[in-house]
N, C-alpha and C. Protein backbone atom coordinates (compact mmCIF):
# COMPACT_ATOMS: atom_id res chain seq x y z
N UNK A 1 22.77 -11.33 2.41
CA UNK A 1 22.24 -11.98 1.30
C UNK A 1 20.62 -11.89 1.30
N UNK A 2 20.07 -11.29 0.12
CA UNK A 2 20.64 -10.95 -0.98
C UNK A 2 20.83 -9.32 -0.98
N UNK A 3 21.62 -8.96 -1.97
CA UNK A 3 21.93 -7.48 -2.25
C UNK A 3 21.37 -7.14 -3.50
N UNK A 4 20.62 -6.01 -3.58
CA UNK A 4 19.90 -5.48 -4.70
C UNK A 4 20.46 -4.29 -5.09
N UNK A 5 21.07 -3.90 -6.34
CA UNK A 5 21.60 -2.77 -7.01
C UNK A 5 20.70 -2.32 -8.04
N UNK A 6 20.28 -1.02 -7.84
CA UNK A 6 19.41 -0.48 -8.88
C UNK A 6 20.25 0.70 -9.39
N UNK A 7 20.61 0.36 -10.71
CA UNK A 7 21.53 1.54 -11.57
C UNK A 7 20.27 2.21 -12.40
N UNK A 8 20.45 3.50 -12.28
CA UNK A 8 19.37 4.32 -12.89
C UNK A 8 19.85 5.64 -13.12
N UNK A 9 19.04 6.40 -14.24
CA UNK A 9 19.53 7.93 -14.36
C UNK A 9 19.36 8.51 -13.08
N UNK A 10 19.86 9.63 -12.84
CA UNK A 10 19.69 10.41 -11.58
C UNK A 10 18.33 10.84 -11.46
N UNK A 11 17.67 10.63 -10.22
CA UNK A 11 16.26 10.97 -10.14
C UNK A 11 16.13 11.30 -8.58
N UNK A 12 15.66 12.51 -8.37
CA UNK A 12 15.55 12.83 -7.05
C UNK A 12 14.35 12.28 -6.50
N UNK A 13 14.74 11.31 -5.33
CA UNK A 13 13.43 10.57 -4.67
C UNK A 13 13.25 11.11 -3.37
N UNK A 14 12.06 11.30 -2.89
CA UNK A 14 12.00 12.02 -1.69
C UNK A 14 12.17 10.71 -0.63
N UNK A 15 12.26 11.13 0.67
CA UNK A 15 12.39 10.07 1.61
C UNK A 15 11.22 9.08 1.73
N UNK A 16 10.05 9.53 1.43
CA UNK A 16 8.87 8.83 1.32
C UNK A 16 8.94 7.79 0.10
N UNK A 17 9.34 8.36 -1.23
CA UNK A 17 9.53 7.27 -2.33
C UNK A 17 10.84 6.40 -2.08
N UNK A 18 11.67 6.77 -1.48
CA UNK A 18 12.70 5.63 -1.18
C UNK A 18 11.94 4.62 -0.15
N UNK A 19 11.45 5.10 0.65
CA UNK A 19 10.85 4.08 1.65
C UNK A 19 9.95 3.05 1.09
N UNK A 20 9.08 3.66 0.10
CA UNK A 20 7.98 2.77 -0.65
C UNK A 20 8.62 1.78 -1.40
N UNK A 21 9.88 2.35 -2.22
CA UNK A 21 10.56 1.52 -3.07
C UNK A 21 11.20 0.32 -2.24
N UNK A 22 11.88 0.67 -1.08
CA UNK A 22 12.60 -0.05 -0.20
C UNK A 22 11.58 -1.35 0.34
N UNK A 23 10.44 -0.95 0.76
CA UNK A 23 9.49 -1.91 1.28
C UNK A 23 9.01 -2.77 0.23
N UNK A 24 8.80 -2.34 -0.97
CA UNK A 24 8.23 -2.91 -2.08
C UNK A 24 9.42 -4.14 -2.61
N UNK A 25 10.71 -3.59 -2.78
CA UNK A 25 11.70 -4.56 -3.22
C UNK A 25 11.83 -5.59 -2.00
N UNK A 26 12.06 -5.12 -0.78
CA UNK A 26 12.28 -6.03 0.26
C UNK A 26 11.11 -6.99 0.35
N UNK A 27 9.92 -6.72 0.33
CA UNK A 27 8.87 -7.54 0.28
C UNK A 27 8.89 -8.69 -0.75
N UNK A 28 9.24 -8.33 -2.10
CA UNK A 28 9.46 -9.19 -3.08
C UNK A 28 10.77 -10.13 -3.03
N UNK A 29 11.61 -9.58 -2.54
CA UNK A 29 12.91 -10.37 -2.24
C UNK A 29 12.83 -11.41 -1.21
N UNK A 30 12.28 -11.10 -0.12
CA UNK A 30 11.98 -11.88 0.94
C UNK A 30 11.01 -13.15 0.57
N UNK A 31 10.10 -12.77 -0.28
CA UNK A 31 9.10 -13.67 -0.67
C UNK A 31 9.79 -14.59 -1.59
N UNK A 32 10.49 -14.20 -2.66
CA UNK A 32 11.11 -15.06 -3.46
C UNK A 32 12.18 -15.95 -3.00
N UNK A 33 13.03 -15.35 -2.19
CA UNK A 33 14.25 -16.22 -1.50
C UNK A 33 14.00 -16.84 -0.22
N UNK A 34 12.88 -16.64 0.39
CA UNK A 34 12.75 -17.02 1.65
C UNK A 34 13.46 -16.59 2.86
N UNK A 35 13.95 -15.43 2.81
CA UNK A 35 14.95 -14.79 3.62
C UNK A 35 14.29 -13.74 4.63
N UNK A 36 15.01 -13.52 5.47
CA UNK A 36 14.55 -12.50 6.50
C UNK A 36 14.48 -11.12 5.95
N UNK A 37 13.94 -10.12 6.06
CA UNK A 37 14.08 -8.79 5.66
C UNK A 37 15.38 -8.20 6.27
N UNK A 38 15.84 -8.80 7.20
CA UNK A 38 17.22 -8.25 7.84
C UNK A 38 18.24 -8.50 6.97
N UNK A 39 18.13 -9.59 6.16
CA UNK A 39 19.27 -9.98 5.40
C UNK A 39 19.39 -9.26 4.13
N UNK A 40 18.38 -8.47 3.70
CA UNK A 40 18.26 -7.72 2.43
C UNK A 40 18.80 -6.45 2.50
N UNK A 41 19.83 -6.06 1.53
CA UNK A 41 20.49 -4.73 1.40
C UNK A 41 20.14 -4.30 0.02
N UNK A 42 19.88 -3.09 -0.26
CA UNK A 42 19.34 -2.31 -1.51
C UNK A 42 20.29 -0.96 -1.55
N UNK A 43 20.87 -0.87 -2.72
CA UNK A 43 21.72 0.19 -3.08
C UNK A 43 21.03 1.04 -4.29
N UNK A 44 21.07 2.39 -4.30
CA UNK A 44 20.63 2.94 -5.55
C UNK A 44 21.84 3.73 -5.99
N UNK A 45 22.27 3.42 -7.40
CA UNK A 45 23.36 3.67 -7.98
C UNK A 45 23.15 4.69 -9.14
N UNK A 46 23.14 5.85 -9.09
CA UNK A 46 22.95 6.70 -10.23
C UNK A 46 23.94 6.46 -11.39
N UNK A 47 23.56 6.55 -12.58
CA UNK A 47 24.59 6.41 -13.70
C UNK A 47 24.10 7.65 -14.86
N UNK A 48 25.25 8.44 -15.09
CA UNK A 48 24.87 9.37 -16.11
C UNK A 48 24.39 8.88 -17.33
N UNK A 49 23.41 9.54 -18.18
CA UNK A 49 23.05 9.01 -19.25
C UNK A 49 24.02 8.62 -20.38
N UNK A 50 24.98 9.48 -20.52
CA UNK A 50 26.02 9.33 -21.40
C UNK A 50 27.06 8.20 -21.10
N UNK A 51 26.81 7.79 -19.71
CA UNK A 51 27.72 6.54 -19.38
C UNK A 51 26.94 5.26 -19.47
N UNK A 52 25.59 5.28 -19.64
CA UNK A 52 24.72 4.17 -19.47
C UNK A 52 25.18 2.84 -20.42
N UNK A 53 25.59 3.24 -21.66
CA UNK A 53 25.78 2.19 -22.72
C UNK A 53 27.10 1.53 -22.04
N UNK A 54 28.24 2.17 -21.89
CA UNK A 54 29.40 1.52 -21.51
C UNK A 54 29.53 1.09 -19.98
N UNK A 55 28.69 1.80 -19.05
CA UNK A 55 28.80 1.30 -17.80
C UNK A 55 27.85 0.32 -17.25
N UNK A 56 26.60 0.31 -18.11
CA UNK A 56 25.61 -0.66 -17.58
C UNK A 56 25.11 -1.60 -18.71
N UNK A 57 24.87 -1.14 -19.89
CA UNK A 57 24.27 -1.97 -20.99
C UNK A 57 25.27 -3.06 -21.35
N UNK A 58 26.46 -2.58 -21.76
CA UNK A 58 27.51 -3.65 -22.22
C UNK A 58 27.92 -4.55 -21.11
N UNK A 59 28.36 -4.03 -20.06
CA UNK A 59 28.91 -5.06 -18.88
C UNK A 59 27.75 -5.85 -18.35
N UNK A 60 26.57 -5.23 -18.04
CA UNK A 60 25.60 -5.93 -17.30
C UNK A 60 24.51 -6.59 -18.23
N UNK A 61 24.04 -6.12 -19.22
CA UNK A 61 22.97 -6.52 -20.08
C UNK A 61 23.32 -7.28 -21.07
N UNK A 62 24.20 -6.80 -22.00
CA UNK A 62 24.66 -7.31 -23.32
C UNK A 62 25.44 -8.54 -23.07
N UNK A 63 26.45 -8.46 -21.92
CA UNK A 63 27.38 -9.57 -21.70
C UNK A 63 26.81 -10.60 -21.08
N UNK A 64 25.87 -10.49 -20.17
CA UNK A 64 25.12 -11.39 -19.23
C UNK A 64 23.56 -11.50 -19.42
N UNK A 65 23.31 -11.81 -20.75
CA UNK A 65 21.70 -11.76 -20.96
C UNK A 65 21.14 -12.98 -20.09
N UNK A 66 21.86 -14.12 -19.85
CA UNK A 66 21.35 -15.18 -19.24
C UNK A 66 20.91 -15.07 -17.59
N UNK A 67 21.58 -13.83 -17.20
CA UNK A 67 21.30 -13.53 -15.87
C UNK A 67 20.13 -12.55 -15.66
N UNK A 68 19.50 -12.09 -16.67
CA UNK A 68 18.51 -11.24 -16.71
C UNK A 68 17.19 -12.03 -16.46
N UNK A 69 16.25 -11.48 -15.54
CA UNK A 69 14.86 -11.96 -15.48
C UNK A 69 14.08 -11.10 -16.29
N UNK A 70 14.29 -9.89 -16.50
CA UNK A 70 13.59 -8.98 -17.28
C UNK A 70 14.54 -8.30 -18.31
N UNK A 71 14.28 -8.24 -19.58
CA UNK A 71 15.27 -7.49 -20.38
C UNK A 71 14.59 -6.19 -20.90
N UNK A 72 15.47 -5.32 -20.88
CA UNK A 72 14.75 -3.87 -21.48
C UNK A 72 14.43 -3.78 -22.88
N UNK A 73 13.39 -2.98 -23.19
CA UNK A 73 12.84 -2.72 -24.55
C UNK A 73 13.14 -1.21 -24.73
N UNK A 74 14.31 -0.75 -25.09
CA UNK A 74 14.47 0.69 -25.09
C UNK A 74 13.61 1.29 -26.21
N UNK A 75 13.22 0.63 -27.25
CA UNK A 75 12.40 1.16 -28.27
C UNK A 75 11.01 1.53 -27.65
N UNK A 76 10.56 0.87 -26.62
CA UNK A 76 9.20 1.28 -26.08
C UNK A 76 9.35 2.44 -25.15
N UNK A 77 10.41 2.82 -24.69
CA UNK A 77 10.65 3.66 -23.50
C UNK A 77 10.10 5.16 -23.97
């Protein structure tokens, strides 16, 4: 606890980029939840652009807006 899942369009990250992302997320999560870095797990879950709406937007964003701490603004992307 806690487990972070990042759903994203496929993007090749170098080992260095993954390490930087991992360190930043781990630091933020341990500060927010007061847990050990050893308790944190992080997964990268690529999603095809054509599947985003049905696999991510509807089930995770549209259906559970009360769980979001940051909402997307796709018009600004």
